[in-house]
Amino acid sequence: MQKFVCSISRKDLQGLSDLAMQVYRNPDELPFTYFRPIRGRLYSWGFDAIKDAQAVMYLGRGDYDSYQIARNDLEDSGWLSPEIEINSLDKIPLGEYLQAGISKMKSTDWA
């Protein structure tokens, strides 16, 4: 198993979680462009950070037991494009998933 470290700082990932919680506060009132600020932040971080955010989201959602397992499984599955991978992050409870994932990460998971 390859060893990955999250390329996004804990502070930046927490900021993304906070932004997602703010954007998704009223899901019944979301306009078509609701995901734009989150998408913009992810694009500014680059493809590796998108992959890392996706692994943290799945960890927080409960799909995996550790960041390392999540990141390796996603790496083994292959990556398509930043656009497609960002679309997989378009979940209403993204902020909650990220927060839960951050809390499950170990100190060795961070750069």
C-alpha atoms as a PDB file:
ATOM      1  CA  MET A   1       0.000   0.000   0.000  1.00  0.00           C
ATOM      2  CA  GLN A   2       1.337   3.396  -1.006  1.00  0.00           C
ATOM      3  CA  LYS A   3       1.689   6.024   1.745  1.00  0.00           C
ATOM      4  CA  PHE A   4      -0.162   9.264   0.981  1.00  0.00           C
ATOM      5  CA  VAL A   5      -0.158  12.540   2.879  1.00  0.00           C
ATOM      6  CA  CYS A   6      -2.961  15.021   2.484  1.00  0.00           C
ATOM      7  CA  SER A   7      -1.755  17.927   0.363  1.00  0.00           C
ATOM      8  CA  ILE A   8      -4.412  20.222   1.842  1.00  0.00           C
ATOM      9  CA  SER A   9      -3.658  21.733   5.231  1.00  0.00           C
ATOM     10  CA  ARG A  10      -6.033  20.973   8.075  1.00  0.00           C
ATOM     11  CA  LYS A  11      -6.912  24.687   8.180  1.00  0.00           C
ATOM     12  CA  ASP A  12      -7.751  24.834   4.463  1.00  0.00           C
ATOM     13  CA  LEU A  13      -9.777  21.623   4.622  1.00  0.00           C
ATOM     14  CA  GLN A  14     -11.654  22.982   7.631  1.00  0.00           C
ATOM     15  CA  GLY A  15     -12.297  26.165   5.632  1.00  0.00           C
ATOM     16  CA  LEU A  16     -13.748  24.095   2.778  1.00  0.00           C
ATOM     17  CA  SER A  17     -15.941  22.242   5.263  1.00  0.00           C
ATOM     18  CA  ASP A  18     -17.149  25.541   6.734  1.00  0.00           C
ATOM     19  CA  LEU A  19     -17.859  26.924   3.251  1.00  0.00           C
ATOM     20  CA  ALA A  20     -19.829  23.808   2.324  1.00  0.00           C
ATOM     21  CA  MET A  21     -21.882  24.036   5.509  1.00  0.00           C
ATOM     22  CA  GLN A  22     -22.617  27.681   4.794  1.00  0.00           C
ATOM     23  CA  VAL A  23     -23.571  27.029   1.167  1.00  0.00           C
ATOM     24  CA  TYR A  24     -25.765  24.049   2.059  1.00  0.00           C
ATOM     25  CA  ARG A  25     -27.502  25.667   5.029  1.00  0.00           C
ATOM     26  CA  ASN A  26     -30.863  25.751   3.215  1.00  0.00           C
ATOM     27  CA  PRO A  27     -30.782  22.934   0.629  1.00  0.00           C
ATOM     28  CA  ASP A  28     -34.373  23.558  -0.462  1.00  0.00           C
ATOM     29  CA  GLU A  29     -33.412  27.061  -1.558  1.00  0.00           C
ATOM     30  CA  LEU A  30     -30.205  26.197  -3.400  1.00  0.00           C
ATOM     31  CA  PRO A  31     -29.836  27.871  -6.781  1.00  0.00           C
ATOM     32  CA  PHE A  32     -28.315  26.018  -9.702  1.00  0.00           C
ATOM     33  CA  THR A  33     -24.950  27.691  -8.987  1.00  0.00           C
ATOM     34  CA  TYR A  34     -24.732  26.643  -5.322  1.00  0.00           C
ATOM     35  CA  PHE A  35     -21.609  24.517  -5.817  1.00  0.00           C
ATOM     36  CA  ARG A  36     -19.655  27.254  -7.650  1.00  0.00           C
ATOM     37  CA  PRO A  37     -17.680  28.609  -4.630  1.00  0.00           C
ATOM     38  CA  ILE A  38     -16.703  25.108  -3.542  1.00  0.00           C
ATOM     39  CA  ARG A  39     -15.743  24.130  -7.099  1.00  0.00           C
ATOM     40  CA  GLY A  40     -13.647  27.294  -7.434  1.00  0.00           C
ATOM     41  CA  ARG A  41     -11.723  26.599  -4.255  1.00  0.00           C
ATOM     42  CA  LEU A  42     -11.032  22.992  -5.259  1.00  0.00           C
ATOM     43  CA  TYR A  43      -9.820  23.999  -8.730  1.00  0.00           C
ATOM     44  CA  SER A  44      -7.465  26.549  -7.185  1.00  0.00           C
ATOM     45  CA  TRP A  45      -5.821  23.781  -5.135  1.00  0.00           C
ATOM     46  CA  GLY A  46      -5.136  21.431  -8.063  1.00  0.00           C
ATOM     47  CA  PHE A  47      -5.889  17.833  -8.971  1.00  0.00           C
ATOM     48  CA  ASP A  48      -3.977  16.165  -6.111  1.00  0.00           C
ATOM     49  CA  ALA A  49      -5.893  18.248  -3.570  1.00  0.00           C
ATOM     50  CA  ILE A  50      -9.176  17.294  -5.259  1.00  0.00           C
ATOM     51  CA  LYS A  51      -8.203  13.646  -4.829  1.00  0.00           C
ATOM     52  CA  ASP A  52      -7.326  14.251  -1.181  1.00  0.00           C
ATOM     53  CA  ALA A  53     -10.602  16.062  -0.485  1.00  0.00           C
ATOM     54  CA  GLN A  54     -12.489  13.205  -2.084  1.00  0.00           C
ATOM     55  CA  ALA A  55     -10.700  10.673   0.148  1.00  0.00           C
ATOM     56  CA  VAL A  56     -11.475  12.733   3.268  1.00  0.00           C
ATOM     57  CA  MET A  57     -15.123  13.041   2.217  1.00  0.00           C
ATOM     58  CA  TYR A  58     -15.486   9.268   1.783  1.00  0.00           C
ATOM     59  CA  LEU A  59     -13.686   8.679   5.087  1.00  0.00           C
ATOM     60  CA  GLY A  60     -16.114  11.026   6.822  1.00  0.00           C
ATOM     61  CA  ARG A  61     -19.094   9.428   5.120  1.00  0.00           C
ATOM     62  CA  GLY A  62     -18.035   6.112   6.614  1.00  0.00           C
ATOM     63  CA  ASP A  63     -17.030   4.335   3.422  1.00  0.00           C
ATOM     64  CA  TYR A  64     -13.479   3.699   4.714  1.00  0.00           C
ATOM     65  CA  ASP A  65     -11.740   3.135   8.048  1.00  0.00           C
ATOM     66  CA  SER A  66      -8.723   5.358   7.366  1.00  0.00           C
ATOM     67  CA  TYR A  67      -7.517   8.107   5.061  1.00  0.00           C
ATOM     68  CA  GLN A  68      -4.764   5.807   3.774  1.00  0.00           C
ATOM     69  CA  ILE A  69      -7.214   3.076   2.800  1.00  0.00           C
ATOM     70  CA  ALA A  70      -9.534   5.595   1.142  1.00  0.00           C
ATOM     71  CA  ARG A  71      -6.763   7.327  -0.803  1.00  0.00           C
ATOM     72  CA  ASN A  72      -5.196   4.040  -1.934  1.00  0.00           C
ATOM     73  CA  ASP A  73      -8.531   2.579  -3.005  1.00  0.00           C
ATOM     74  CA  LEU A  74      -9.385   5.698  -4.979  1.00  0.00           C
ATOM     75  CA  GLU A  75      -5.909   5.704  -6.520  1.00  0.00           C
ATOM     76  CA  ASP A  76      -6.307   2.057  -7.540  1.00  0.00           C
ATOM     77  CA  SER A  77      -9.708   2.819  -9.079  1.00  0.00           C
ATOM     78  CA  GLY A  78      -8.123   5.455 -11.281  1.00  0.00           C
ATOM     79  CA  TRP A  79      -8.862   9.120 -11.722  1.00  0.00           C
ATOM     80  CA  LEU A  80     -10.767  10.589 -14.628  1.00  0.00           C
ATOM     81  CA  SER A  81     -10.497  14.365 -14.687  1.00  0.00           C
ATOM     82  CA  PRO A  82     -10.667  17.201 -12.172  1.00  0.00           C
ATOM     83  CA  GLU A  83     -14.186  18.041 -13.373  1.00  0.00           C
ATOM     84  CA  ILE A  84     -15.511  14.516 -12.867  1.00  0.00           C
ATOM     85  CA  GLU A  85     -13.804  14.084  -9.496  1.00  0.00           C
ATOM     86  CA  ILE A  86     -15.131  17.442  -8.270  1.00  0.00           C
ATOM     87  CA  ASN A  87     -18.622  16.365  -9.304  1.00  0.00           C
ATOM     88  CA  SER A  88     -18.280  13.388  -6.962  1.00  0.00           C
ATOM     89  CA  LEU A  89     -17.832  15.894  -4.115  1.00  0.00           C
ATOM     90  CA  ASP A  90     -21.156  17.566  -4.923  1.00  0.00           C
ATOM     91  CA  LYS A  91     -22.996  16.170  -1.902  1.00  0.00           C
ATOM     92  CA  ILE A  92     -25.431  18.160   0.232  1.00  0.00           C
ATOM     93  CA  PRO A  93     -23.755  17.131   3.520  1.00  0.00           C
ATOM     94  CA  LEU A  94     -20.222  17.720   2.142  1.00  0.00           C
ATOM     95  CA  GLY A  95     -19.303  19.956   5.084  1.00  0.00           C
ATOM     96  CA  GLU A  96     -20.395  17.330   7.586  1.00  0.00           C
ATOM     97  CA  TYR A  97     -18.574  14.565   5.695  1.00  0.00           C
ATOM     98  CA  LEU A  98     -15.372  16.613   5.570  1.00  0.00           C
ATOM     99  CA  GLN A  99     -15.601  17.507   9.254  1.00  0.00           C
ATOM    100  CA  ALA A 100     -16.082  13.856  10.208  1.00  0.00           C
ATOM    101  CA  GLY A 101     -13.208  12.832   7.921  1.00  0.00           C
ATOM    102  CA  ILE A 102     -10.871  15.455   9.382  1.00  0.00           C
ATOM    103  CA  SER A 103     -11.612  14.187  12.883  1.00  0.00           C
ATOM    104  CA  LYS A 104     -10.748  10.605  11.835  1.00  0.00           C
ATOM    105  CA  MET A 105      -7.411  11.505  10.229  1.00  0.00           C
ATOM    106  CA  LYS A 106      -4.134  10.741  12.001  1.00  0.00           C
ATOM    107  CA  SER A 107      -1.253  13.185  12.392  1.00  0.00           C
ATOM    108  CA  THR A 108       0.754  11.119   9.888  1.00  0.00           C
ATOM    109  CA  ASP A 109      -1.906  11.727   7.226  1.00  0.00           C
ATOM    110  CA  TRP A 110      -1.025  15.432   7.027  1.00  0.00           C
ATOM    111  CA  ALA A 111       1.902  16.953   5.125  1.00  0.00           C
END
